[in-house]
Structures are given as C-alpha cells and as structure tokens.
C-alpha cells in the first residue's frame, strides 16, 4: 500500500509540476518550506510531504522517470539531513540529495 501511495503522489506531483499541495494555507509556496516544517509532520503525513517533494522536483526537472528504491534512499538521506539542518529549505536539501 505504501508503495502505491508513493507512486500516486509522485506521479501526481510530477504532472502538476509547480502546484503546492504541501501548503497549509493557500498563500504558501514549496520554496518556503523548511526541513522543520516537513519533520514536524508525523507518519503518513510526513511520507506524503516527502513524496510530494520528490514529485515536485521530478516534474520541475522535465522528466517523468523515477526509481522507487532510489526514492527510498533519497528519502532516508533527506530525513537525516533535515534532522541535522532543521532550518534548511526542504527543496534545497532534496535538490542537493538528488544531485
């Protein structure tokens, strides 16, 4: 089930590109989210936020290809980086990991 959720969110986010579904209010942008914002979410909400970030960056890159095992590894690295740098911008941290 978790893999299906990841795939749906990643594909959906890639399809919509720059639309921010992470936003708690209509006036937030993806660029405003910090690691702390993502890490404050719990369980499935955090998984969805991270999956959205993957999809957002996939869409932004202009590709639609992804590898689930790579996404898992990048998600783990993202969480570790965010724990070490909670004030970092989530998009910048994930972009560096995807490097």
N, C-alpha and C. Protein backbone atom coordinates (compact mmCIF):
# COMPACT_ATOMS: atom_id res chain seq x y z
N UNK A 1 0.83 -1.20 0.00
CA UNK A 1 0.00 0.00 0.00
C UNK A 1 0.87 1.25 0.00
N UNK A 2 1.94 1.25 0.80
CA UNK A 2 2.80 2.43 0.90
C UNK A 2 3.43 2.76 -0.45
N UNK A 3 3.86 1.73 -1.18
CA UNK A 3 4.47 1.97 -2.49
C UNK A 3 3.45 2.59 -3.43
N UNK A 4 2.21 2.11 -3.39
CA UNK A 4 1.18 2.66 -4.26
C UNK A 4 0.94 4.13 -3.94
N UNK A 5 0.87 4.48 -2.65
CA UNK A 5 0.68 5.87 -2.26
C UNK A 5 1.83 6.72 -2.78
N UNK A 6 3.05 6.25 -2.61
CA UNK A 6 4.23 6.98 -3.09
C UNK A 6 4.14 7.21 -4.59
N UNK A 7 3.78 6.15 -5.32
CA UNK A 7 3.72 6.27 -6.77
C UNK A 7 2.64 7.26 -7.18
N UNK A 8 1.48 7.18 -6.57
CA UNK A 8 0.39 8.08 -6.92
C UNK A 8 0.77 9.52 -6.63
N UNK A 9 1.34 9.76 -5.45
CA UNK A 9 1.71 11.12 -5.09
C UNK A 9 2.83 11.63 -5.99
N UNK A 10 3.84 10.80 -6.24
CA UNK A 10 4.96 11.24 -7.07
C UNK A 10 4.50 11.54 -8.49
N UNK A 11 3.68 10.66 -9.05
CA UNK A 11 3.20 10.87 -10.41
C UNK A 11 2.29 12.09 -10.47
N UNK A 12 1.41 12.22 -9.50
CA UNK A 12 0.50 13.37 -9.48
C UNK A 12 1.28 14.67 -9.35
N UNK A 13 2.25 14.69 -8.46
CA UNK A 13 3.03 15.91 -8.27
C UNK A 13 3.85 16.23 -9.50
N UNK A 14 4.39 15.19 -10.15
CA UNK A 14 5.14 15.44 -11.38
C UNK A 14 4.23 16.01 -12.45
N UNK A 15 3.00 15.53 -12.49
CA UNK A 15 2.06 16.00 -13.50
C UNK A 15 1.66 17.45 -13.28
N UNK A 16 1.52 17.85 -12.01
CA UNK A 16 1.08 19.21 -11.75
C UNK A 16 2.24 20.17 -11.60
N UNK A 17 3.46 19.64 -11.59
CA UNK A 17 4.64 20.49 -11.59
C UNK A 17 4.77 21.38 -10.38
N UNK A 18 4.55 22.66 -10.57
CA UNK A 18 4.87 23.62 -9.51
C UNK A 18 3.71 23.93 -8.57
N UNK A 19 2.60 23.23 -8.66
CA UNK A 19 1.49 23.49 -7.75
C UNK A 19 1.83 22.96 -6.37
N UNK A 20 1.62 23.73 -5.35
CA UNK A 20 1.97 23.35 -3.99
C UNK A 20 0.81 22.71 -3.26
N UNK A 21 0.82 21.35 -3.16
CA UNK A 21 -0.20 20.69 -2.35
C UNK A 21 0.27 20.56 -0.91
N UNK A 22 1.51 20.90 -0.66
CA UNK A 22 2.02 20.88 0.71
C UNK A 22 1.47 22.04 1.53
N UNK A 23 1.06 23.07 0.87
CA UNK A 23 0.72 24.31 1.55
C UNK A 23 -0.41 24.12 2.56
N UNK A 24 -0.18 24.63 3.77
CA UNK A 24 -1.21 24.61 4.80
C UNK A 24 -2.20 25.75 4.57
N UNK A 25 -1.73 26.81 3.98
CA UNK A 25 -2.61 27.91 3.59
C UNK A 25 -2.42 28.13 2.10
N UNK A 26 -3.36 28.78 1.49
CA UNK A 26 -3.29 28.99 0.04
C UNK A 26 -2.14 29.90 -0.36
N UNK A 27 -1.55 30.60 0.56
CA UNK A 27 -0.52 31.58 0.24
C UNK A 27 0.91 31.07 0.40
N UNK A 28 1.10 29.81 0.69
CA UNK A 28 2.46 29.28 0.85
C UNK A 28 2.97 28.71 -0.46
N UNK A 29 4.27 28.65 -0.59
CA UNK A 29 4.90 28.04 -1.77
C UNK A 29 5.84 26.94 -1.31
N UNK A 30 6.17 26.06 -2.21
CA UNK A 30 7.09 24.97 -1.90
C UNK A 30 8.42 25.53 -1.40
N UNK A 31 8.86 26.62 -2.02
CA UNK A 31 10.15 27.22 -1.66
C UNK A 31 10.20 27.72 -0.22
N UNK A 32 9.05 27.96 0.38
CA UNK A 32 9.00 28.47 1.75
C UNK A 32 9.17 27.36 2.80
N UNK A 33 8.97 26.12 2.42
CA UNK A 33 9.00 25.03 3.40
C UNK A 33 10.41 24.71 3.85
N UNK A 34 10.58 24.64 5.16
CA UNK A 34 11.86 24.25 5.73
C UNK A 34 11.82 22.78 6.10
N UNK A 35 12.98 22.26 6.38
CA UNK A 35 13.05 20.88 6.86
C UNK A 35 12.21 20.71 8.12
N UNK A 36 12.25 21.71 8.97
CA UNK A 36 11.48 21.65 10.22
C UNK A 36 9.98 21.49 9.93
N UNK A 37 9.48 22.19 8.91
CA UNK A 37 8.07 22.06 8.53
C UNK A 37 7.73 20.62 8.16
N UNK A 38 8.59 20.01 7.38
CA UNK A 38 8.36 18.62 6.94
C UNK A 38 8.51 17.67 8.12
N UNK A 39 9.54 17.86 8.92
CA UNK A 39 9.82 16.93 10.02
C UNK A 39 8.80 17.04 11.14
N UNK A 40 8.09 18.13 11.23
CA UNK A 40 7.03 18.27 12.24
C UNK A 40 5.82 17.40 11.91
N UNK A 41 5.68 17.05 10.64
CA UNK A 41 4.60 16.14 10.26
C UNK A 41 4.92 14.76 10.83
N UNK A 42 3.92 13.93 10.97
CA UNK A 42 4.18 12.60 11.51
C UNK A 42 3.63 11.53 10.60
N UNK A 43 4.23 10.37 10.67
CA UNK A 43 3.76 9.19 9.96
C UNK A 43 3.48 9.43 8.50
N UNK A 44 2.26 9.09 8.11
CA UNK A 44 1.86 9.18 6.70
C UNK A 44 1.91 10.61 6.18
N UNK A 45 1.60 11.58 7.03
CA UNK A 45 1.65 12.98 6.58
C UNK A 45 3.06 13.36 6.16
N UNK A 46 4.06 12.90 6.92
CA UNK A 46 5.45 13.19 6.56
C UNK A 46 5.81 12.45 5.27
N UNK A 47 5.37 11.20 5.16
CA UNK A 47 5.64 10.42 3.94
C UNK A 47 5.06 11.11 2.72
N UNK A 48 3.84 11.61 2.84
CA UNK A 48 3.19 12.30 1.72
C UNK A 48 3.93 13.58 1.37
N UNK A 49 4.35 14.33 2.39
CA UNK A 49 5.08 15.58 2.15
C UNK A 49 6.39 15.30 1.42
N UNK A 50 7.11 14.27 1.84
CA UNK A 50 8.38 13.92 1.19
C UNK A 50 8.12 13.41 -0.23
N UNK A 51 7.09 12.58 -0.39
CA UNK A 51 6.75 12.08 -1.73
C UNK A 51 6.36 13.23 -2.65
N UNK A 52 5.61 14.18 -2.12
CA UNK A 52 5.26 15.34 -2.93
C UNK A 52 6.51 16.09 -3.38
N UNK A 53 7.44 16.27 -2.45
CA UNK A 53 8.67 16.99 -2.78
C UNK A 53 9.43 16.26 -3.88
N UNK A 54 9.49 14.92 -3.79
CA UNK A 54 10.10 14.14 -4.88
C UNK A 54 9.39 14.43 -6.20
N UNK A 55 8.08 14.32 -6.20
CA UNK A 55 7.31 14.52 -7.42
C UNK A 55 7.44 15.93 -7.97
N UNK A 56 7.45 16.90 -7.07
CA UNK A 56 7.62 18.29 -7.47
C UNK A 56 8.95 18.47 -8.21
N UNK A 57 10.00 17.92 -7.65
CA UNK A 57 11.32 18.07 -8.27
C UNK A 57 11.44 17.25 -9.54
N UNK A 58 10.79 16.09 -9.59
CA UNK A 58 10.77 15.30 -10.83
C UNK A 58 10.07 16.12 -11.92
N UNK A 59 8.92 16.68 -11.59
CA UNK A 59 8.20 17.49 -12.57
C UNK A 59 8.98 18.72 -12.99
N UNK A 60 9.64 19.33 -12.04
CA UNK A 60 10.42 20.54 -12.32
C UNK A 60 11.59 20.22 -13.25
N UNK A 61 12.11 19.00 -13.15
CA UNK A 61 13.25 18.61 -13.99
C UNK A 61 12.85 18.30 -15.42
N UNK A 62 11.55 18.15 -15.66
CA UNK A 62 11.08 17.89 -17.01
C UNK A 62 11.06 16.41 -17.39
N UNK A 63 11.28 15.54 -16.43
CA UNK A 63 11.24 14.11 -16.70
C UNK A 63 10.06 13.49 -15.96
N UNK A 64 9.75 12.28 -16.31
CA UNK A 64 8.70 11.56 -15.59
C UNK A 64 9.21 10.21 -15.09
N UNK A 65 10.50 9.96 -15.24
CA UNK A 65 11.09 8.70 -14.81
C UNK A 65 11.57 8.78 -13.37
N UNK A 66 11.36 7.69 -12.64
CA UNK A 66 11.88 7.60 -11.28
C UNK A 66 12.04 6.13 -10.90
N UNK A 67 12.85 5.87 -9.89
CA UNK A 67 13.12 4.53 -9.39
C UNK A 67 12.73 4.52 -7.92
N UNK A 68 11.83 3.62 -7.54
CA UNK A 68 11.34 3.61 -6.17
C UNK A 68 12.44 3.36 -5.13
N UNK A 69 13.37 2.49 -5.44
CA UNK A 69 14.46 2.22 -4.48
C UNK A 69 15.31 3.48 -4.29
N UNK A 70 15.58 4.18 -5.38
CA UNK A 70 16.33 5.43 -5.29
C UNK A 70 15.56 6.45 -4.47
N UNK A 71 14.24 6.55 -4.69
CA UNK A 71 13.42 7.48 -3.91
C UNK A 71 13.47 7.15 -2.42
N UNK A 72 13.43 5.86 -2.09
CA UNK A 72 13.52 5.46 -0.68
C UNK A 72 14.85 5.91 -0.06
N UNK A 73 15.93 5.65 -0.77
CA UNK A 73 17.25 6.04 -0.27
C UNK A 73 17.36 7.55 -0.12
N UNK A 74 16.84 8.28 -1.11
CA UNK A 74 16.87 9.73 -1.05
C UNK A 74 16.00 10.24 0.09
N UNK A 75 14.88 9.59 0.33
CA UNK A 75 14.00 9.99 1.45
C UNK A 75 14.71 9.82 2.78
N UNK A 76 15.39 8.69 2.95
CA UNK A 76 16.15 8.46 4.19
C UNK A 76 17.24 9.52 4.36
N UNK A 77 17.95 9.81 3.27
CA UNK A 77 19.00 10.84 3.33
C UNK A 77 18.40 12.21 3.63
N UNK A 78 17.25 12.50 3.05
CA UNK A 78 16.56 13.76 3.29
C UNK A 78 16.22 13.91 4.77
N UNK A 79 15.67 12.87 5.35
CA UNK A 79 15.31 12.91 6.78
C UNK A 79 16.54 13.15 7.63
N UNK A 80 17.62 12.46 7.34
CA UNK A 80 18.87 12.64 8.11
C UNK A 80 19.39 14.07 7.97
N UNK A 81 19.40 14.59 6.74
CA UNK A 81 19.88 15.96 6.51
C UNK A 81 18.99 16.97 7.22
N UNK A 82 17.69 16.73 7.20
CA UNK A 82 16.75 17.66 7.85
C UNK A 82 16.89 17.63 9.36
N UNK A 83 17.17 16.46 9.92
CA UNK A 83 17.39 16.39 11.36
C UNK A 83 18.63 17.17 11.75
N UNK A 84 19.65 17.15 10.88
CA UNK A 84 20.88 17.89 11.14
C UNK A 84 20.76 19.38 10.83
N UNK A 85 19.84 19.74 9.96
CA UNK A 85 19.70 21.12 9.50
C UNK A 85 18.22 21.50 9.40
N UNK A 86 17.53 21.62 10.54
CA UNK A 86 16.08 21.85 10.51
C UNK A 86 15.65 23.17 9.86
N UNK A 87 16.53 24.15 9.81
CA UNK A 87 16.17 25.44 9.21
C UNK A 87 16.47 25.51 7.72
N UNK A 88 17.04 24.45 7.17
CA UNK A 88 17.32 24.42 5.74
C UNK A 88 16.03 24.37 4.94
N UNK A 89 16.06 24.93 3.75
CA UNK A 89 14.89 24.86 2.88
C UNK A 89 14.74 23.43 2.36
N UNK A 90 13.55 22.87 2.53
CA UNK A 90 13.31 21.48 2.16
C UNK A 90 13.65 21.23 0.69
N UNK A 91 13.26 22.13 -0.18
CA UNK A 91 13.53 21.96 -1.61
C UNK A 91 15.03 21.93 -1.88
N UNK A 92 15.79 22.81 -1.24
CA UNK A 92 17.24 22.85 -1.45
C UNK A 92 17.91 21.57 -0.94
N UNK A 93 17.47 21.09 0.21
CA UNK A 93 18.05 19.87 0.77
C UNK A 93 17.78 18.69 -0.17
N UNK A 94 16.54 18.54 -0.62
CA UNK A 94 16.21 17.43 -1.51
C UNK A 94 16.92 17.57 -2.85
N UNK A 95 17.03 18.78 -3.36
CA UNK A 95 17.72 19.00 -4.64
C UNK A 95 19.18 18.56 -4.52
N UNK A 96 19.82 18.89 -3.42
CA UNK A 96 21.22 18.51 -3.21
C UNK A 96 21.34 16.99 -3.13
N UNK A 97 20.43 16.34 -2.45
CA UNK A 97 20.46 14.88 -2.34
C UNK A 97 20.27 14.23 -3.70
N UNK A 98 19.37 14.76 -4.49
CA UNK A 98 19.11 14.20 -5.82
C UNK A 98 20.26 14.48 -6.77
N UNK A 99 21.06 15.50 -6.43
CA UNK A 99 22.21 15.95 -7.18
C UNK A 99 22.63 15.13 -8.30
